[in-house]
């Protein structure tokens, strides 16, 4: 009982200390951040010294310029949350100066050579930045700029949700243009989550992800990455550099010009890639490939229940390099090629062409509901239904939340 009382007192102490702060680009009060009337009007007016672990910073919809540099870290028990306000937030709507119009898209313009949201020198750990609905927080970037960047010393326990990065379109790039540039120079990031985010309209990469442990990239849509000088700024959708114990799930990568999910550095370990869609989309067929590993020392790479469609160079796994305990199972490979190196076990897949795999389906007819509109759900009677291996949790739930029926084999592909 004493322990319970002590824990309750600690919880109440943390809750009492937590405060709400406010940002509103139209505010004209005293700029103290204590309510909507006196909200901070821009990123540079934030008084980071007044922010403590457990605090929430609400951002009103509107247009903001310049760079949001995160100036404090939370703790494991008390995160700092920066989020677009919603009309369902009781504390925020009760604050002086509230207007229902604040529940609208946050639009941030990052000028050339700058970053939209910047986490530097490990300041910004235990922080969540959340747009709270699809494209709820939009960052427009230009040449030589990024949407979100983790730089210098690695940060940990960072969550990025519902952030849309809009690129500059097809331009001649003078510097890297990246949606999420998560590339610390020292240390390793841990417990990074990027969820329900989107990168579109150019950029030489939707994401660069290096030095990461326990990263989760999920429910994201990355598409249309390209530049007019790709020989200089090589176009990747997601570039990974030495990743361990991490998961890529429920993502859509399409309109792929060169690499989709690309592991170019050695020694990636314990990577789960499942229930993703990789497809050509509206881009004319070119040298695009969905998934590629190009180096040695990769261990326990599990590629399960993905759908790969109409990518000419397809899937390149294990050339060159050494691989251990790597599996490619329950995937649809339609209009793509699959090249495997030693150390991979591949079976229970569906191919539009021939295969020698004992439990896989070869020369399959189109299994999809409507390929013309890029709807890759399985149509009734699809040969992929219940023909896969029952892999168990967490692999038996699809992007729509549908679970495998107990006692039946898993369906092949993302859905």
Protein backbone atom coordinates (compact mmCIF):
# COMPACT_ATOMS: atom_id res chain seq x y z
CA UNK A 1 0.00 0.00 0.00
CA UNK A 2 2.86 2.43 0.85
CA UNK A 3 4.43 1.73 -2.54
CA UNK A 4 1.09 2.40 -4.28
CA UNK A 5 0.66 5.71 -2.43
CA UNK A 6 4.24 6.72 -3.25
CA UNK A 7 3.73 5.93 -6.96
CA UNK A 8 0.47 7.89 -7.01
CA UNK A 9 2.13 10.89 -5.41
CA UNK A 10 4.93 10.76 -7.99
CA UNK A 11 2.37 10.63 -10.82
CA UNK A 12 0.43 13.57 -9.38
CA UNK A 13 3.66 15.53 -8.95
CA UNK A 14 4.62 14.98 -12.59
CA UNK A 15 1.10 15.85 -13.77
CA UNK A 16 1.03 19.01 -11.64
CA UNK A 17 4.32 20.19 -13.07
CA UNK A 18 3.28 19.65 -16.70
CA UNK A 19 2.24 22.84 -18.47
CA UNK A 20 0.65 23.78 -21.78
CA UNK A 21 2.17 26.38 -24.07
CA UNK A 22 0.81 27.86 -27.29
CA UNK A 23 2.07 28.95 -30.72
CA UNK A 24 -0.11 30.97 -33.08
CA UNK A 25 1.24 32.82 -36.11
CA UNK A 26 -1.57 35.40 -35.82
CA UNK A 27 -1.03 36.17 -32.12
CA UNK A 28 -0.34 39.79 -31.16
CA UNK A 29 -0.27 39.66 -27.37
CA UNK A 30 2.65 39.62 -24.93
CA UNK A 31 4.36 36.56 -26.51
CA UNK A 32 4.62 34.60 -23.29
CA UNK A 33 3.13 31.42 -24.72
CA UNK A 34 0.77 30.98 -21.74
CA UNK A 35 -2.47 31.08 -23.77
CA UNK A 36 -3.72 31.74 -27.30
CA UNK A 37 -4.03 35.50 -26.78
CA UNK A 38 -0.39 35.72 -25.71
CA UNK A 39 0.91 32.83 -27.82
CA UNK A 40 4.38 32.73 -29.31
CA UNK A 41 3.89 33.96 -32.89
CA UNK A 42 6.83 32.12 -34.47
CA UNK A 43 9.42 29.44 -33.81
CA UNK A 44 12.16 31.87 -32.77
CA UNK A 45 9.97 33.40 -30.05
CA UNK A 46 9.69 30.11 -28.13
CA UNK A 47 11.24 30.49 -24.66
CA UNK A 48 12.78 27.04 -24.38
CA UNK A 49 13.99 27.77 -20.84
CA UNK A 50 10.34 27.77 -19.77
CA UNK A 51 9.68 24.30 -21.28
CA UNK A 52 10.03 21.30 -18.99
CA UNK A 53 9.63 17.53 -19.40
CA UNK A 54 5.95 16.65 -19.58
CA UNK A 55 4.92 19.94 -21.22
CA UNK A 56 2.77 20.16 -24.34
CA UNK A 57 3.21 22.88 -26.94
CA UNK A 58 0.06 23.34 -29.03
CA UNK A 59 0.48 24.82 -32.51
CA UNK A 60 -2.41 26.62 -34.19
CA UNK A 61 -3.01 26.13 -37.90
CA UNK A 62 -1.49 28.78 -40.10
CA UNK A 63 1.64 29.61 -42.06
CA UNK A 64 5.04 29.67 -40.36
CA UNK A 65 8.40 30.53 -41.86
CA UNK A 66 11.89 29.59 -40.82
CA UNK A 67 13.32 26.71 -38.83
CA UNK A 68 11.90 25.11 -35.71
CA UNK A 69 14.98 24.13 -33.70
CA UNK A 70 14.08 21.91 -30.75
CA UNK A 71 15.62 23.48 -27.65
CA UNK A 72 14.85 21.05 -24.81
CA UNK A 73 14.66 17.31 -24.14
CA UNK A 74 12.07 15.42 -22.20
CA UNK A 75 12.68 12.35 -20.06
CA UNK A 76 11.67 8.71 -20.31
CA UNK A 77 8.72 9.31 -17.97
CA UNK A 78 7.81 12.82 -19.18
CA UNK A 79 7.98 13.52 -22.90
CA UNK A 80 7.82 16.95 -24.46
CA UNK A 81 5.02 17.03 -27.03
CA UNK A 82 4.71 19.55 -29.86
CA UNK A 83 1.46 19.05 -31.74
CA UNK A 84 -1.08 20.69 -33.98
CA UNK A 85 -4.05 21.61 -31.85
CA UNK A 86 -7.39 19.86 -32.31
CA UNK A 87 -10.81 21.10 -31.25
CA UNK A 88 -11.08 18.00 -29.06
CA UNK A 89 -8.20 19.13 -26.82
CA UNK A 90 -10.02 20.22 -23.66
CA UNK A 91 -7.14 22.14 -22.09
CA UNK A 92 -6.25 23.96 -25.31
CA UNK A 93 -9.81 24.99 -26.13
CA UNK A 94 -10.28 26.28 -22.58
CA UNK A 95 -7.26 28.59 -22.87
CA UNK A 96 -7.93 32.30 -23.37
CA UNK A 97 -8.20 33.38 -26.99
CA UNK A 98 -9.20 30.00 -28.45
CA UNK A 99 -10.75 30.06 -31.91
CA UNK A 100 -12.06 26.95 -33.73
CA UNK A 101 -10.11 28.03 -36.84
CA UNK A 102 -6.92 27.05 -35.03
CA UNK A 103 -7.83 23.41 -35.74
CA UNK A 104 -6.38 23.52 -39.26
CA UNK A 105 -3.23 22.58 -41.15
CA UNK A 106 0.12 23.83 -39.89
CA UNK A 107 2.11 24.98 -42.93
CA UNK A 108 5.82 25.56 -42.55
CA UNK A 109 8.03 27.04 -45.27
CA UNK A 110 11.70 26.11 -45.05
CA UNK A 111 13.89 28.44 -47.14
CA UNK A 112 16.80 27.29 -49.27
CA UNK A 113 19.59 25.72 -47.25
CA UNK A 114 17.46 25.36 -44.12
CA UNK A 115 15.56 22.64 -42.33
CA UNK A 116 11.93 22.70 -41.27
CA UNK A 117 12.36 20.91 -37.92
CA UNK A 118 15.89 20.59 -36.57
CA UNK A 119 17.13 18.37 -33.74
CA UNK A 120 20.80 19.04 -33.03
CA UNK A 121 23.46 17.88 -30.56
CA UNK A 122 21.09 15.35 -28.94
CA UNK A 123 18.84 18.18 -27.65
CA UNK A 124 15.42 16.95 -28.62
CA UNK A 125 15.44 13.47 -27.11
CA UNK A 126 12.17 12.18 -25.64
CA UNK A 127 10.21 14.49 -27.91
CA UNK A 128 7.07 13.87 -29.98
CA UNK A 129 6.14 16.13 -32.93
CA UNK A 130 2.67 15.35 -34.22
CA UNK A 131 0.44 16.74 -37.00
CA UNK A 132 -2.31 14.46 -35.65
CA UNK A 133 -4.07 13.75 -38.93
CA UNK A 134 -2.99 13.11 -42.52
CA UNK A 135 -0.84 16.06 -43.67
CA UNK A 136 -1.74 17.85 -40.45
CA UNK A 137 1.72 19.43 -40.39
CA UNK A 138 3.06 20.31 -43.86
CA UNK A 139 6.64 21.39 -44.48
CA UNK A 140 7.41 22.93 -47.87
CA UNK A 141 11.10 22.59 -48.67
CA UNK A 142 13.30 23.98 -51.42
CA UNK A 143 16.77 23.41 -52.84
CA UNK A 144 19.42 22.17 -50.39
CA UNK A 145 16.92 21.81 -47.56
CA UNK A 146 15.23 19.09 -45.52
CA UNK A 147 11.88 18.67 -43.83
CA UNK A 148 13.10 17.13 -40.56
CA UNK A 149 16.73 16.68 -39.60
CA UNK A 150 18.58 14.94 -36.76
CA UNK A 151 22.17 16.10 -36.96
CA UNK A 152 25.46 16.03 -35.02
CA UNK A 153 25.04 13.98 -31.80
CA UNK A 154 22.30 11.37 -32.03
CA UNK A 155 18.95 11.95 -30.34
CA UNK A 156 16.85 9.15 -28.86
CA UNK A 157 13.18 8.45 -28.29
CA UNK A 158 11.94 10.80 -31.00
CA UNK A 159 8.49 10.31 -32.55
CA UNK A 160 7.42 12.06 -35.75
CA UNK A 161 3.78 11.63 -36.76
CA UNK A 162 1.50 12.96 -39.50
CA UNK A 163 4.15 15.21 -41.04
CA UNK A 164 4.00 15.81 -44.78
CA UNK A 165 7.10 17.08 -46.56
CA UNK A 166 6.43 18.70 -49.92
CA UNK A 167 9.50 18.87 -52.13
CA UNK A 168 10.45 21.53 -54.68
CA UNK A 169 9.52 19.37 -57.65
CA UNK A 170 11.94 18.35 -60.38
CA UNK A 171 14.84 20.79 -60.03
CA UNK A 172 18.59 20.88 -60.57
CA UNK A 173 19.72 20.38 -57.00
CA UNK A 174 22.72 22.28 -55.61
CA UNK A 175 22.59 20.38 -52.31
CA UNK A 176 20.80 17.41 -50.79
CA UNK A 177 17.01 17.73 -50.74
CA UNK A 178 15.58 15.22 -48.26
CA UNK A 179 12.25 14.75 -46.58
CA UNK A 180 13.62 13.21 -43.38
CA UNK A 181 17.39 13.61 -43.00
CA UNK A 182 18.01 11.45 -39.93
CA UNK A 183 21.80 11.25 -40.07
CA UNK A 184 23.64 11.92 -36.80
CA UNK A 185 27.41 12.12 -37.10
CA UNK A 186 28.22 10.73 -33.64
CA UNK A 187 26.49 8.12 -31.50
CA UNK A 188 23.45 6.10 -32.54
CA UNK A 189 19.79 7.01 -32.54
CA UNK A 190 17.54 4.71 -30.53
CA UNK A 191 13.78 4.31 -30.36
CA UNK A 192 12.95 6.48 -33.35
CA UNK A 193 9.41 6.29 -34.75
CA UNK A 194 8.24 7.84 -38.03
CA UNK A 195 4.53 7.15 -38.48
CA UNK A 196 1.82 8.28 -40.94
CA UNK A 197 4.19 10.66 -42.70
CA UNK A 198 4.44 11.52 -46.40
CA UNK A 199 7.15 12.84 -48.71
CA UNK A 200 6.21 13.86 -52.24
CA UNK A 201 7.01 16.13 -55.18
CA UNK A 202 10.72 15.74 -55.74
CA UNK A 203 13.64 15.36 -53.28
CA UNK A 204 16.61 13.13 -53.98
CA UNK A 205 15.49 11.07 -50.97
CA UNK A 206 12.34 10.77 -48.91
CA UNK A 207 14.46 9.57 -46.00
CA UNK A 208 18.10 9.06 -45.07
CA UNK A 209 18.28 6.88 -41.97
CA UNK A 210 21.69 6.09 -40.48
CA UNK A 211 23.11 4.98 -37.12
CA UNK A 212 19.71 3.80 -35.89
CA UNK A 213 18.71 1.15 -33.35
CA UNK A 214 15.09 0.20 -32.69
CA UNK A 215 13.64 2.41 -35.40
CA UNK A 216 10.06 1.93 -36.62
CA UNK A 217 8.99 3.37 -39.99
CA UNK A 218 5.28 2.68 -40.45
CA UNK A 219 2.15 3.77 -42.32
CA UNK A 220 4.16 6.22 -44.44
CA UNK A 221 3.70 7.18 -48.09
CA UNK A 222 6.88 8.09 -49.97
CA UNK A 223 6.63 8.78 -53.69
CA UNK A 224 7.90 10.84 -56.59
CA UNK A 225 11.49 11.24 -55.39
CA UNK A 226 13.68 12.56 -58.23
CA UNK A 227 15.85 15.43 -59.42
CA UNK A 228 17.08 16.75 -62.75
CA UNK A 229 20.66 15.80 -61.86
CA UNK A 230 20.28 12.32 -60.33
CA UNK A 231 23.81 11.33 -61.33
CA UNK A 232 25.06 13.86 -58.80
CA UNK A 233 22.30 13.50 -56.21
CA UNK A 234 21.46 9.81 -56.39
CA UNK A 235 17.74 9.23 -56.04
CA UNK A 236 16.69 6.89 -53.23
CA UNK A 237 13.32 6.65 -51.59
CA UNK A 238 14.78 5.42 -48.28
CA UNK A 239 18.53 5.08 -47.80
CA UNK A 240 19.64 3.08 -44.77
CA UNK A 241 23.09 3.06 -43.23
CA UNK A 242 23.87 0.44 -40.52
CA UNK A 243 20.46 -0.19 -38.98
CA UNK A 244 19.75 -2.72 -36.21
CA UNK A 245 16.64 -4.12 -34.51
CA UNK A 246 14.33 -2.04 -36.69
CA UNK A 247 11.02 -2.40 -38.52
CA UNK A 248 9.60 -1.14 -41.82
CA UNK A 249 5.89 -1.94 -42.05
CA UNK A 250 2.66 -0.79 -43.70
CA UNK A 251 4.41 1.72 -45.96
CA UNK A 252 3.75 2.65 -49.60
CA UNK A 253 6.78 3.37 -51.78
CA UNK A 254 5.90 4.16 -55.38
CA UNK A 255 6.88 6.19 -58.45
CA UNK A 256 10.37 4.82 -57.75
CA UNK A 257 13.08 6.18 -60.04
CA UNK A 258 16.12 4.26 -58.74
CA UNK A 259 16.20 2.52 -55.33
CA UNK A 260 13.18 2.09 -53.12
CA UNK A 261 14.30 0.75 -49.74
CA UNK A 262 18.09 0.71 -50.10
CA UNK A 263 20.61 -0.77 -47.65
CA UNK A 264 24.00 0.22 -49.02
CA UNK A 265 26.12 -0.11 -45.86
CA UNK A 266 27.23 -3.42 -44.27
CA UNK A 267 26.25 -5.05 -40.99
CA UNK A 268 22.52 -4.44 -40.78
CA UNK A 269 21.01 -6.79 -38.21
CA UNK A 270 17.56 -7.89 -37.11
CA UNK A 271 15.52 -5.98 -39.69
CA UNK A 272 11.83 -6.74 -40.25
CA UNK A 273 10.34 -5.57 -43.54
CA UNK A 274 6.70 -6.58 -43.74
CA UNK A 275 3.31 -5.67 -45.22
CA UNK A 276 4.66 -2.86 -47.43
CA UNK A 277 3.69 -1.91 -50.99
CA UNK A 278 6.39 -1.21 -53.58
CA UNK A 279 5.10 -0.35 -57.04
CA UNK A 280 5.90 1.51 -60.21
CA UNK A 281 2.87 3.76 -60.13
CA UNK A 282 2.54 6.41 -62.82
CA UNK A 283 6.27 6.71 -63.59
CA UNK A 284 7.29 5.10 -66.92
CA UNK A 285 9.21 1.89 -66.40
CA UNK A 286 12.90 2.57 -65.86
CA UNK A 287 15.67 1.20 -63.65
CA UNK A 288 13.59 1.37 -60.48
CA UNK A 289 13.98 -1.38 -57.92
CA UNK A 290 11.94 -1.95 -54.81
CA UNK A 291 14.39 -3.36 -52.28
CA UNK A 292 18.15 -3.67 -52.44
CA UNK A 293 21.00 -4.83 -50.21
CA UNK A 294 24.47 -4.29 -51.60
CA UNK A 295 26.99 -5.12 -48.90
CA UNK A 296 28.13 -7.79 -46.45
CA UNK A 297 27.50 -8.79 -42.87
CA UNK A 298 23.68 -8.60 -42.95
CA UNK A 299 21.99 -10.88 -40.42
CA UNK A 300 18.38 -11.86 -39.74
CA UNK A 301 16.75 -9.76 -42.45
CA UNK A 302 13.09 -10.87 -42.63
CA UNK A 303 11.13 -9.80 -45.72
CA UNK A 304 7.54 -11.00 -45.23
CA UNK A 305 4.17 -10.30 -46.86
CA UNK A 306 5.15 -7.42 -49.10
CA UNK A 307 3.71 -6.62 -52.53
CA UNK A 308 6.15 -5.73 -55.33
CA UNK A 309 4.62 -4.67 -58.65
CA UNK A 310 5.98 -3.60 -62.07
CA UNK A 311 9.47 -2.55 -61.00
CA UNK A 312 11.81 -3.61 -63.80
CA UNK A 313 14.93 -4.29 -61.72
CA UNK A 314 12.75 -5.69 -58.94
CA UNK A 315 14.35 -7.01 -55.78
CA UNK A 316 18.13 -7.29 -55.36
CA UNK A 317 19.08 -9.22 -52.23
CA UNK A 318 22.59 -10.33 -51.53
CA UNK A 319 24.77 -9.25 -54.41
CA UNK A 320 27.57 -8.90 -53.40
CA UNK A 321 28.04 -9.76 -49.74
CA UNK A 322 27.55 -12.33 -47.01
CA UNK A 323 24.14 -12.93 -45.45
CA UNK A 324 23.00 -15.05 -42.51
CA UNK A 325 19.51 -16.21 -41.50
CA UNK A 326 17.70 -14.01 -44.03
CA UNK A 327 14.20 -14.91 -45.28
CA UNK A 328 11.97 -13.83 -48.17
CA UNK A 329 8.49 -15.32 -47.67
CA UNK A 330 4.81 -14.65 -48.39
CA UNK A 331 5.60 -11.89 -50.90
CA UNK A 332 3.90 -11.08 -54.20
CA UNK A 333 6.47 -10.48 -56.96
CA UNK A 334 4.43 -9.35 -59.96
CA UNK A 335 6.08 -7.85 -63.00
CA UNK A 336 9.35 -7.82 -61.09
CA UNK A 337 12.49 -9.91 -60.90
CA UNK A 338 13.98 -11.44 -57.75
CA UNK A 339 17.72 -11.95 -57.36
CA UNK A 340 18.89 -13.71 -54.20
CA UNK A 341 22.39 -14.38 -52.91
CA UNK A 342 23.66 -17.03 -50.48
CA UNK A 343 22.19 -16.86 -46.99
CA UNK A 344 18.60 -16.23 -48.11
CA UNK A 345 15.73 -18.70 -47.77
CA UNK A 346 12.86 -17.91 -50.15
CA UNK A 347 9.50 -19.73 -50.37
CA UNK A 348 5.70 -19.37 -50.17
CA UNK A 349 5.73 -16.44 -52.59
CA UNK A 350 3.60 -15.63 -55.64
CA UNK A 351 5.34 -14.85 -58.94
CA UNK A 352 3.98 -13.63 -62.23
CA UNK A 353 6.81 -15.62 -63.85
CA UNK A 354 8.52 -18.97 -63.26
CA UNK A 355 10.02 -20.18 -59.99
CA UNK A 356 11.60 -23.34 -58.61
CA UNK A 357 10.54 -22.66 -55.02
CA UNK A 358 8.62 -25.71 -53.76
CA UNK A 359 5.66 -23.95 -52.09
CA UNK A 360 5.51 -20.80 -54.22
CA UNK A 361 3.00 -20.01 -56.98
CA UNK A 362 4.47 -19.58 -60.45
CA UNK A 363 3.07 -17.90 -63.57
CA UNK A 364 0.16 -16.51 -61.54
CA UNK A 365 -2.62 -14.43 -63.11
CA UNK A 366 -3.15 -10.90 -61.83
CA UNK A 367 -4.19 -11.33 -58.16
CA UNK A 368 -5.22 -7.72 -57.51
CA UNK A 369 -8.53 -5.95 -57.18
CA UNK A 370 -7.68 -3.14 -59.64
CA UNK A 371 -4.10 -2.73 -60.84
CA UNK A 372 -5.07 0.16 -63.16
CA UNK A 373 -5.92 2.31 -60.14
CA UNK A 374 -3.05 0.88 -58.06
CA UNK A 375 -5.42 -0.97 -55.73
CA UNK A 376 -3.39 -4.00 -54.68
CA UNK A 377 -5.90 -5.57 -52.33
CA UNK A 378 -6.55 -9.18 -53.29
CA UNK A 379 -9.58 -9.73 -55.49
CA UNK A 380 -12.09 -12.49 -54.75
CA UNK A 381 -10.66 -15.81 -55.88
CA UNK A 382 -7.11 -14.48 -55.97
CA UNK A 383 -4.54 -17.30 -56.02
CA UNK A 384 -2.71 -15.53 -53.15
CA UNK A 385 -5.53 -16.04 -50.64
CA UNK A 386 -4.63 -18.48 -47.83
CA UNK A 387 -1.68 -19.88 -49.78
CA UNK A 388 1.08 -18.40 -47.64
CA UNK A 389 2.84 -19.51 -44.51
CA UNK A 390 1.14 -18.69 -41.19
CA UNK A 391 3.91 -16.62 -39.62
CA UNK A 392 2.11 -15.47 -36.48
CA UNK A 393 2.34 -12.08 -34.71
CA UNK A 394 3.21 -9.40 -35.62
CA UNK A 395 3.12 -10.42 -39.29
CA UNK A 396 -0.47 -11.66 -39.49
CA UNK A 397 -2.19 -8.24 -39.44
CA UNK A 398 -2.41 -6.27 -42.70
CA UNK A 399 -2.27 -2.47 -43.26
CA UNK A 400 -6.06 -2.24 -42.93
CA UNK A 401 -5.99 -3.96 -39.55
CA UNK A 402 -7.36 -7.27 -40.83
CA UNK A 403 -5.92 -10.29 -39.04
CA UNK A 404 -5.26 -13.74 -40.42
CA UNK A 405 -8.12 -16.13 -39.68
CA UNK A 406 -6.88 -18.64 -37.06
CA UNK A 407 -6.35 -22.12 -38.41
CA UNK A 408 -5.84 -20.95 -41.98
CA UNK A 409 -2.65 -20.22 -43.87
CA UNK A 410 -1.70 -16.63 -44.30
CA UNK A 411 -2.46 -14.85 -47.56
CA UNK A 412 0.49 -13.87 -49.72
CA UNK A 413 1.24 -10.15 -50.15
CA UNK A 414 0.63 -7.01 -48.09
CA UNK A 415 -3.16 -7.50 -47.75
